[in-house]
PDB file of N, CA and C in Angstrom:
ATOM      1  N   MET A   1       0.840  -1.171   0.000  1.00  0.00           N
ATOM      2  CA  MET A   1       0.000   0.000   0.000  1.00  0.00           C
ATOM      3  C   MET A   1       0.893   1.246   0.000  1.00  0.00           C
ATOM      4  N   ALA A   2       0.581   2.193  -0.872  1.00  0.00           N
ATOM      5  CA  ALA A   2       1.375   3.416  -0.987  1.00  0.00           C
ATOM      6  C   ALA A   2       1.118   4.332   0.195  1.00  0.00           C
ATOM      7  N   ARG A   3       2.166   4.916   0.639  1.00  0.00           N
ATOM      8  CA  ARG A   3       2.075   5.836   1.770  1.00  0.00           C
ATOM      9  C   ARG A   3       1.887   7.260   1.252  1.00  0.00           C
ATOM     10  N   ALA A   4       0.980   7.987   1.852  1.00  0.00           N
ATOM     11  CA  ALA A   4       0.731   9.374   1.441  1.00  0.00           C
ATOM     12  C   ALA A   4       1.931  10.243   1.798  1.00  0.00           C
ATOM     13  N   ALA A   5       2.260  11.136   0.879  1.00  0.00           N
ATOM     14  CA  ALA A   5       3.372  12.055   1.131  1.00  0.00           C
ATOM     15  C   ALA A   5       3.000  13.005   2.255  1.00  0.00           C
ATOM     16  N   SER A   6       3.956  13.217   3.145  1.00  0.00           N
ATOM     17  CA  SER A   6       3.701  14.152   4.239  1.00  0.00           C
ATOM     18  C   SER A   6       3.899  15.572   3.734  1.00  0.00           C
ATOM     19  N   PRO A   7       3.092  16.508   4.230  1.00  0.00           N
ATOM     20  CA  PRO A   7       3.230  17.895   3.776  1.00  0.00           C
ATOM     21  C   PRO A   7       4.567  18.481   4.219  1.00  0.00           C
ATOM     22  N   VAL A   8       5.126  19.299   3.360  1.00  0.00           N
ATOM     23  CA  VAL A   8       6.389  19.962   3.668  1.00  0.00           C
ATOM     24  C   VAL A   8       6.106  21.103   4.632  1.00  0.00           C
ATOM     25  N   ALA A   9       6.853  21.135   5.717  1.00  0.00           N
ATOM     26  CA  ALA A   9       6.684  22.217   6.692  1.00  0.00           C
ATOM     27  C   ALA A   9       7.205  23.516   6.077  1.00  0.00           C
ATOM     28  N   ARG A  10       6.380  24.530   6.083  1.00  0.00           N
ATOM     29  CA  ARG A  10       6.749  25.826   5.517  1.00  0.00           C
ATOM     30  C   ARG A  10       7.086  26.774   6.652  1.00  0.00           C
ATOM     31  N   LEU A  11       8.202  27.458   6.515  1.00  0.00           N
ATOM     32  CA  LEU A  11       8.584  28.450   7.516  1.00  0.00           C
ATOM     33  C   LEU A  11       7.588  29.596   7.504  1.00  0.00           C
ATOM     34  N   SER A  12       7.373  30.183   8.652  1.00  0.00           N
ATOM     35  CA  SER A  12       6.527  31.371   8.692  1.00  0.00           C
ATOM     36  C   SER A  12       7.253  32.467   7.925  1.00  0.00           C
ATOM     37  N   PRO A  13       6.505  33.394   7.314  1.00  0.00           N
ATOM     38  CA  PRO A  13       7.161  34.472   6.559  1.00  0.00           C
ATOM     39  C   PRO A  13       8.129  35.277   7.416  1.00  0.00           C
ATOM     40  N   SER A  14       7.806  35.442   8.697  1.00  0.00           N
ATOM     41  CA  SER A  14       8.696  36.233   9.551  1.00  0.00           C
ATOM     42  C   SER A  14      10.042  35.541   9.733  1.00  0.00           C
ATOM     43  N   VAL A  15      10.053  34.230   9.868  1.00  0.00           N
ATOM     44  CA  VAL A  15      11.303  33.486  10.031  1.00  0.00           C
ATOM     45  C   VAL A  15      12.078  33.464   8.713  1.00  0.00           C
ATOM     46  N   ALA A  16      11.383  33.151   7.627  1.00  0.00           N
ATOM     47  CA  ALA A  16      12.037  33.064   6.320  1.00  0.00           C
ATOM     48  C   ALA A  16      12.648  34.398   5.903  1.00  0.00           C
ATOM     49  N   PHE A  17      11.883  35.481   6.043  1.00  0.00           N
ATOM     50  CA  PHE A  17      12.393  36.773   5.603  1.00  0.00           C
ATOM     51  C   PHE A  17      13.399  37.365   6.580  1.00  0.00           C
ATOM     52  N   ARG A  18      13.330  37.012   7.850  1.00  0.00           N
ATOM     53  CA  ARG A  18      14.382  37.437   8.792  1.00  0.00           C
ATOM     54  C   ARG A  18      15.721  36.880   8.306  1.00  0.00           C
ATOM     55  N   ARG A  19      15.737  35.604   7.932  1.00  0.00           N
ATOM     56  CA  ARG A  19      16.972  34.969   7.447  1.00  0.00           C
ATOM     57  C   ARG A  19      17.484  35.653   6.180  1.00  0.00           C
ATOM     58  N   GLU A  20      16.561  35.938   5.249  1.00  0.00           N
ATOM     59  CA  GLU A  20      16.970  36.591   3.999  1.00  0.00           C
ATOM     60  C   GLU A  20      17.504  37.999   4.246  1.00  0.00           C
ATOM     61  N   ILE A  21      16.845  38.745   5.114  1.00  0.00           N
ATOM     62  CA  ILE A  21      17.285  40.116   5.424  1.00  0.00           C
ATOM     63  C   ILE A  21      18.651  40.075   6.097  1.00  0.00           C
ATOM     64  N   GLU A  22      18.831  39.182   7.061  1.00  0.00           N
ATOM     65  CA  GLU A  22      20.125  39.077   7.751  1.00  0.00           C
ATOM     66  C   GLU A  22      21.229  38.681   6.779  1.00  0.00           C
ATOM     67  N   ALA A  23      20.940  37.777   5.839  1.00  0.00           N
ATOM     68  CA  ALA A  23      21.940  37.375   4.843  1.00  0.00           C
ATOM     69  C   ALA A  23      22.295  38.547   3.931  1.00  0.00           C
ATOM     70  N   ALA A  24      21.296  39.307   3.520  1.00  0.00           N
ATOM     71  CA  ALA A  24      21.546  40.461   2.653  1.00  0.00           C
ATOM     72  C   ALA A  24      22.391  41.509   3.372  1.00  0.00           C
ATOM     73  N   VAL A  25      22.076  41.772   4.639  1.00  0.00           N
ATOM     74  CA  VAL A  25      22.858  42.737   5.425  1.00  0.00           C
ATOM     75  C   VAL A  25      24.299  42.246   5.562  1.00  0.00           C
ATOM     76  N   ALA A  26      24.475  40.945   5.787  1.00  0.00           N
ATOM     77  CA  ALA A  26      25.824  40.378   5.904  1.00  0.00           C
ATOM     78  C   ALA A  26      26.608  40.526   4.598  1.00  0.00           C
ATOM     79  N   GLU A  27      25.891  40.566   3.469  1.00  0.00           N
ATOM     80  CA  GLU A  27      26.536  40.758   2.171  1.00  0.00           C
ATOM     81  C   GLU A  27      26.739  42.231   1.835  1.00  0.00           C
ATOM     82  N   GLY A  28      26.307  43.117   2.734  1.00  0.00           N
ATOM     83  CA  GLY A  28      26.545  44.535   2.540  1.00  0.00           C
ATOM     84  C   GLY A  28      25.387  45.326   1.958  1.00  0.00           C
ATOM     85  N   VAL A  29      24.210  44.712   1.835  1.00  0.00           N
ATOM     86  CA  VAL A  29      23.046  45.430   1.308  1.00  0.00           C
ATOM     87  C   VAL A  29      22.445  46.265   2.442  1.00  0.00           C
ATOM     88  N   ALA A  30      22.199  47.536   2.185  1.00  0.00           N
ATOM     89  CA  ALA A  30      21.628  48.436   3.194  1.00  0.00           C
ATOM     90  C   ALA A  30      20.130  48.181   3.337  1.00  0.00           C
ATOM     91  N   LEU A  31      19.618  48.316   4.559  1.00  0.00           N
ATOM     92  CA  LEU A  31      18.191  48.127   4.815  1.00  0.00           C
ATOM     93  C   LEU A  31      17.337  49.034   3.948  1.00  0.00           C
ATOM     94  N   ASP A  32      17.762  50.276   3.752  1.00  0.00           N
ATOM     95  CA  ASP A  32      17.000  51.234   2.951  1.00  0.00           C
ATOM     96  C   ASP A  32      16.958  50.871   1.471  1.00  0.00           C
ATOM     97  N   ASP A  33      17.871  50.022   1.014  1.00  0.00           N
ATOM     98  CA  ASP A  33      17.880  49.601  -0.385  1.00  0.00           C
ATOM     99  C   ASP A  33      16.943  48.422  -0.639  1.00  0.00           C
ATOM    100  N   MET A  34      16.511  47.751   0.420  1.00  0.00           N
ATOM    101  CA  MET A  34      15.674  46.561   0.284  1.00  0.00           C
ATOM    102  C   MET A  34      14.189  46.904   0.389  1.00  0.00           C
ATOM    103  N   THR A  35      13.375  46.070  -0.254  1.00  0.00           N
ATOM    104  CA  THR A  35      11.927  46.152  -0.137  1.00  0.00           C
ATOM    105  C   THR A  35      11.395  44.736  -0.030  1.00  0.00           C
ATOM    106  N   LEU A  36      10.541  44.501   0.944  1.00  0.00           N
ATOM    107  CA  LEU A  36       9.876  43.206   1.078  1.00  0.00           C
ATOM    108  C   LEU A  36       8.569  43.285   0.305  1.00  0.00           C
ATOM    109  N   ARG A  37       8.486  42.563  -0.784  1.00  0.00           N
ATOM    110  CA  ARG A  37       7.265  42.528  -1.588  1.00  0.00           C
ATOM    111  C   ARG A  37       6.476  41.307  -1.134  1.00  0.00           C
ATOM    112  N   LEU A  38       5.410  41.562  -0.374  1.00  0.00           N
ATOM    113  CA  LEU A  38       4.662  40.475   0.263  1.00  0.00           C
ATOM    114  C   LEU A  38       3.253  40.333  -0.289  1.00  0.00           C
ATOM    115  N   THR A  39       2.796  39.086  -0.368  1.00  0.00           N
ATOM    116  CA  THR A  39       1.389  38.843  -0.670  1.00  0.00           C
ATOM    117  C   THR A  39       0.586  39.366   0.514  1.00  0.00           C
ATOM    118  N   LEU A  40      -0.680  39.645   0.291  1.00  0.00           N
ATOM    119  CA  LEU A  40      -1.517  40.124   1.397  1.00  0.00           C
ATOM    120  C   LEU A  40      -1.604  39.085   2.508  1.00  0.00           C
ATOM    121  N   GLY A  41      -1.606  37.813   2.142  1.00  0.00           N
ATOM    122  CA  GLY A  41      -1.633  36.748   3.147  1.00  0.00           C
ATOM    123  C   GLY A  41      -0.400  36.773   4.036  1.00  0.00           C
ATOM    124  N   ASP A  42       0.785  36.966   3.427  1.00  0.00           N
ATOM    125  CA  ASP A  42       2.015  37.020   4.220  1.00  0.00           C
ATOM    126  C   ASP A  42       2.075  38.279   5.079  1.00  0.00           C
ATOM    127  N   VAL A  43       1.537  39.392   4.575  1.00  0.00           N
ATOM    128  CA  VAL A  43       1.469  40.615   5.390  1.00  0.00           C
ATOM    129  C   VAL A  43       0.653  40.325   6.648  1.00  0.00           C
ATOM    130  N   ASN A  44      -0.488  39.692   6.471  1.00  0.00           N
ATOM    131  CA  ASN A  44      -1.334  39.377   7.624  1.00  0.00           C
ATOM    132  C   ASN A  44      -0.672  38.394   8.572  1.00  0.00           C
ATOM    133  N   ARG A  45       0.065  37.404   8.037  1.00  0.00           N
ATOM    134  CA  ARG A  45       0.758  36.455   8.912  1.00  0.00           C
ATOM    135  C   ARG A  45       1.831  37.153   9.757  1.00  0.00           C
ATOM    136  N   ILE A  46       2.546  38.087   9.144  1.00  0.00           N
ATOM    137  CA  ILE A  46       3.573  38.819   9.897  1.00  0.00           C
ATOM    138  C   ILE A  46       2.921  39.717  10.948  1.00  0.00           C
ATOM    139  N   ARG A  47       1.864  40.400  10.569  1.00  0.00           N
ATOM    140  CA  ARG A  47       1.182  41.288  11.527  1.00  0.00           C
ATOM    141  C   ARG A  47       0.654  40.527  12.735  1.00  0.00           C
ATOM    142  N   ARG A  48       0.259  39.295  12.525  1.00  0.00           N
ATOM    143  CA  ARG A  48      -0.374  38.520  13.598  1.00  0.00           C
ATOM    144  C   ARG A  48       0.550  37.487  14.236  1.00  0.00           C
ATOM    145  N   ASP A  49       1.826  37.504  13.894  1.00  0.00           N
ATOM    146  CA  ASP A  49       2.765  36.505  14.411  1.00  0.00           C
ATOM    147  C   ASP A  49       3.061  36.789  15.880  1.00  0.00           C
ATOM    148  N   PRO A  50       2.592  35.919  16.788  1.00  0.00           N
ATOM    149  CA  PRO A  50       2.804  36.163  18.212  1.00  0.00           C
ATOM    150  C   PRO A  50       4.263  35.984  18.644  1.00  0.00           C
ATOM    151  N   ALA A  51       5.082  35.366  17.785  1.00  0.00           N
ATOM    152  CA  ALA A  51       6.485  35.142  18.134  1.00  0.00           C
ATOM    153  C   ALA A  51       7.361  36.370  17.870  1.00  0.00           C
ATOM    154  N   LEU A  52       6.827  37.358  17.150  1.00  0.00           N
ATOM    155  CA  LEU A  52       7.617  38.550  16.832  1.00  0.00           C
ATOM    156  C   LEU A  52       7.640  39.529  17.994  1.00  0.00           C
ATOM    157  N   ALA A  53       8.789  40.153  18.160  1.00  0.00           N
ATOM    158  CA  ALA A  53       8.901  41.231  19.145  1.00  0.00           C
ATOM    159  C   ALA A  53       8.200  42.461  18.592  1.00  0.00           C
ATOM    160  N   VAL A  54       7.682  43.284  19.456  1.00  0.00           N
ATOM    161  CA  VAL A  54       6.958  44.489  19.053  1.00  0.00           C
ATOM    162  C   VAL A  54       7.829  45.374  18.164  1.00  0.00           C
ATOM    163  N   GLU A  55       9.107  45.436  18.443  1.00  0.00           N
ATOM    164  CA  GLU A  55       9.967  46.321  17.661  1.00  0.00           C
ATOM    165  C   GLU A  55      10.329  45.774  16.282  1.00  0.00           C
ATOM    166  N   ASP A  56       9.968  44.520  15.971  1.00  0.00           N
ATOM    167  CA  ASP A  56      10.272  43.942  14.661  1.00  0.00           C
ATOM    168  C   ASP A  56       9.399  44.518  13.546  1.00  0.00           C
ATOM    169  N   VAL A  57       8.192  44.958  13.885  1.00  0.00           N
ATOM    170  CA  VAL A  57       7.265  45.518  12.900  1.00  0.00           C
ATOM    171  C   VAL A  57       6.926  46.935  13.314  1.00  0.00           C
ATOM    172  N   SER A  58       7.029  47.861  12.359  1.00  0.00           N
ATOM    173  CA  SER A  58       6.677  49.251  12.674  1.00  0.00           C
ATOM    174  C   SER A  58       5.808  49.820  11.564  1.00  0.00           C
ATOM    175  N   PHE A  59       5.058  50.830  11.928  1.00  0.00           N
ATOM    176  CA  PHE A  59       4.190  51.545  10.996  1.00  0.00           C
ATOM    177  C   PHE A  59       4.440  53.035  11.209  1.00  0.00           C
ATOM    178  N   THR A  60       5.102  53.658  10.250  1.00  0.00           N
ATOM    179  CA  THR A  60       5.397  55.083  10.344  1.00  0.00           C
ATOM    180  C   THR A  60       5.050  55.742   9.022  1.00  0.00           C
ATOM    181  N   GLY A  61       4.282  56.812   9.094  1.00  0.00           N
ATOM    182  CA  GLY A  61       3.918  57.537   7.883  1.00  0.00           C
ATOM    183  C   GLY A  61       3.145  56.684   6.889  1.00  0.00           C
ATOM    184  N   GLY A  62       2.380  55.731   7.381  1.00  0.00           N
ATOM    185  CA  GLY A  62       1.599  54.869   6.505  1.00  0.00           C
ATOM    186  C   GLY A  62       2.388  53.758   5.840  1.00  0.00           C
ATOM    187  N   VAL A  63       3.645  53.562   6.266  1.00  0.00           N
ATOM    188  CA  VAL A  63       4.502  52.530   5.678  1.00  0.00           C
ATOM    189  C   VAL A  63       4.815  51.475   6.733  1.00  0.00           C
ATOM    190  N   MET A  64       4.558  50.219   6.376  1.00  0.00           N
ATOM    191  CA  MET A  64       4.919  49.106   7.253  1.00  0.00           C
ATOM    192  C   MET A  64       6.371  48.738   6.986  1.00  0.00           C
ATOM    193  N   ARG A  65       7.097  48.460   8.063  1.00  0.00           N
ATOM    194  CA  ARG A  65       8.480  47.991   7.954  1.00  0.00           C
ATOM    195  C   ARG A  65       8.639  46.739   8.804  1.00  0.00           C
ATOM    196  N   PHE A  66       9.378  45.785   8.267  1.00  0.00           N
ATOM    197  CA  PHE A  66       9.712  44.568   8.997  1.00  0.00           C
ATOM    198  C   PHE A  66      11.223  44.537   9.140  1.00  0.00           C
ATOM    199  N   LEU A  67      11.711  44.577  10.372  1.00  0.00           N
ATOM    200  CA  LEU A  67      13.145  44.612  10.678  1.00  0.00           C
ATOM    201  C   LEU A  67      13.842  45.769   9.968  1.00  0.00           C
ATOM    202  N   GLY A  68      13.122  46.871   9.802  1.00  0.00           N
ATOM    203  CA  GLY A  68      13.686  48.059   9.174  1.00  0.00           C
ATOM    204  C   GLY A  68      13.571  48.094   7.663  1.00  0.00           C
ATOM    205  N   VAL A  69      12.996  47.039   7.064  1.00  0.00           N
ATOM    206  CA  VAL A  69      12.857  46.957   5.614  1.00  0.00           C
ATOM    207  C   VAL A  69      11.426  47.329   5.235  1.00  0.00           C
ATOM    208  N   LYS A  70      11.284  48.230   4.271  1.00  0.00           N
ATOM    209  CA  LYS A  70       9.971  48.666   3.805  1.00  0.00           C
ATOM    210  C   LYS A  70       9.204  47.479   3.228  1.00  0.00           C
ATOM    211  N   VAL A  71       7.906  47.400   3.559  1.00  0.00           N
ATOM    212  CA  VAL A  71       7.037  46.347   3.047  1.00  0.00           C
ATOM    213  C   VAL A  71       6.122  46.936   1.977  1.00  0.00           C
ATOM    214  N   ALA A  72       6.094  46.282   0.818  1.00  0.00           N
ATOM    215  CA  ALA A  72       5.174  46.645  -0.264  1.00  0.00           C
ATOM    216  C   ALA A  72       4.139  45.523  -0.334  1.00  0.00           C
ATOM    217  N   PRO A  73       2.923  45.771   0.186  1.00  0.00           N
ATOM    218  CA  PRO A  73       1.924  44.700   0.260  1.00  0.00           C
ATOM    219  C   PRO A  73       1.110  44.525  -1.018  1.00  0.00           C
ATOM    220  N   GLY A  74       0.840  43.255  -1.343  1.00  0.00           N
ATOM    221  CA  GLY A  74      -0.087  42.912  -2.404  1.00  0.00           C
ATOM    222  C   GLY A  74       0.429  43.126  -3.816  1.00  0.00           C
ATOM    223  N   GLY A  75      -0.405  42.669  -4.778  1.00  0.00           N
ATOM    224  CA  GLY A  75      -0.090  42.848  -6.183  1.00  0.00           C
ATOM    225  C   GLY A  75       0.881  41.839  -6.755  1.00  0.00           C
ATOM    226  N   ILE A  76       1.206  40.795  -5.993  1.00  0.00           N
ATOM    227  CA  ILE A  76       2.141  39.774  -6.465  1.00  0.00           C
ATOM    228  C   ILE A  76       1.601  38.390  -6.120  1.00  0.00           C
ATOM    229  N   ASP A  77       2.127  37.364  -6.816  1.00  0.00           N
ATOM    230  CA  ASP A  77       1.701  35.987  -6.573  1.00  0.00           C
ATOM    231  C   ASP A  77       2.508  35.298  -5.481  1.00  0.00           C
ATOM    232  N   ALA A  78       3.754  35.721  -5.304  1.00  0.00           N
ATOM    233  CA  ALA A  78       4.627  35.105  -4.297  1.00  0.00           C
ATOM    234  C   ALA A  78       5.479  36.188  -3.646  1.00  0.00           C
ATOM    235  N   SER A  79       5.641  36.083  -2.350  1.00  0.00           N
ATOM    236  CA  SER A  79       6.441  37.059  -1.604  1.00  0.00           C
ATOM    237  C   SER A  79       7.919  36.900  -1.932  1.00  0.00           C
ATOM    238  N   ALA A  80       8.636  38.023  -1.924  1.00  0.00           N
ATOM    239  CA  ALA A  80      10.063  38.002  -2.208  1.00  0.00           C
ATOM    240  C   ALA A  80      10.738  39.223  -1.608  1.00  0.00           C
ATOM    241  N   LEU A  81      12.025  39.091  -1.343  1.00  0.00           N
ATOM    242  CA  LEU A  81      12.833  40.205  -0.865  1.00  0.00           C
ATOM    243  C   LEU A  81      13.556  40.814  -2.049  1.00  0.00           C
ATOM    244  N   ASP A  82      13.281  42.076  -2.321  1.00  0.00           N
ATOM    245  CA  ASP A  82      13.970  42.827  -3.372  1.00  0.00           C
ATOM    246  C   ASP A  82      15.175  43.473  -2.700  1.00  0.00           C
ATOM    247  N   ARG A  83      16.356  43.087  -3.123  1.00  0.00           N
ATOM    248  CA  ARG A  83      17.590  43.569  -2.505  1.00  0.00           C
ATOM    249  C   ARG A  83      18.106  44.842  -3.164  1.00  0.00           C
ATOM    250  N   GLY A  84      17.222  45.590  -3.792  1.00  0.00           N
ATOM    251  CA  GLY A  84      17.646  46.824  -4.456  1.00  0.00           C
ATOM    252  C   GLY A  84      18.129  46.536  -5.847  1.00  0.00           C
ATOM    253  N   GLY A  85      17.298  45.864  -6.614  1.00  0.00           N
ATOM    254  CA  GLY A  85      17.669  45.575  -7.990  1.00  0.00           C
ATOM    255  C   GLY A  85      17.719  44.090  -8.266  1.00  0.00           C
ATOM    256  N   GLN A  86      17.876  43.296  -7.234  1.00  0.00           N
ATOM    257  CA  GLN A  86      17.872  41.850  -7.439  1.00  0.00           C
ATOM    258  C   GLN A  86      16.938  41.210  -6.437  1.00  0.00           C
ATOM    259  N   ILE A  87      16.049  40.367  -6.917  1.00  0.00           N
ATOM    260  CA  ILE A  87      15.072  39.733  -6.042  1.00  0.00           C
ATOM    261  C   ILE A  87      15.561  38.349  -5.656  1.00  0.00           C
ATOM    262  N   ALA A  88      15.579  38.086  -4.356  1.00  0.00           N
ATOM    263  CA  ALA A  88      15.972  36.770  -3.842  1.00  0.00           C
ATOM    264  C   ALA A  88      14.734  35.901  -3.740  1.00  0.00           C
ATOM    265  N   ASP A  89      14.831  34.657  -4.216  1.00  0.00           N
ATOM    266  CA  ASP A  89      13.676  33.745  -4.140  1.00  0.00           C
ATOM    267  C   ASP A  89      13.662  33.003  -2.834  1.00  0.00           C
TER     268      ASP A  89
END
């Protein structure tokens, strides 16, 4: 009898993008040069993530930032970190 494939555990967007942002900073990319292009679903997951510290997400002047990186919500099929000209998958 065939065994059903187990679902692949997906990292929360906050964990996945924290890693990407930290890697980009380690490579010398400035926070102001990056933009997090998030699906509306991922924006909501980050906003409601109980594991995040209050200072990880900010809203100033109508702009959401995650770890200091500007968030551009919606209008895309998959979330990605734009490193200022190059998008990391």
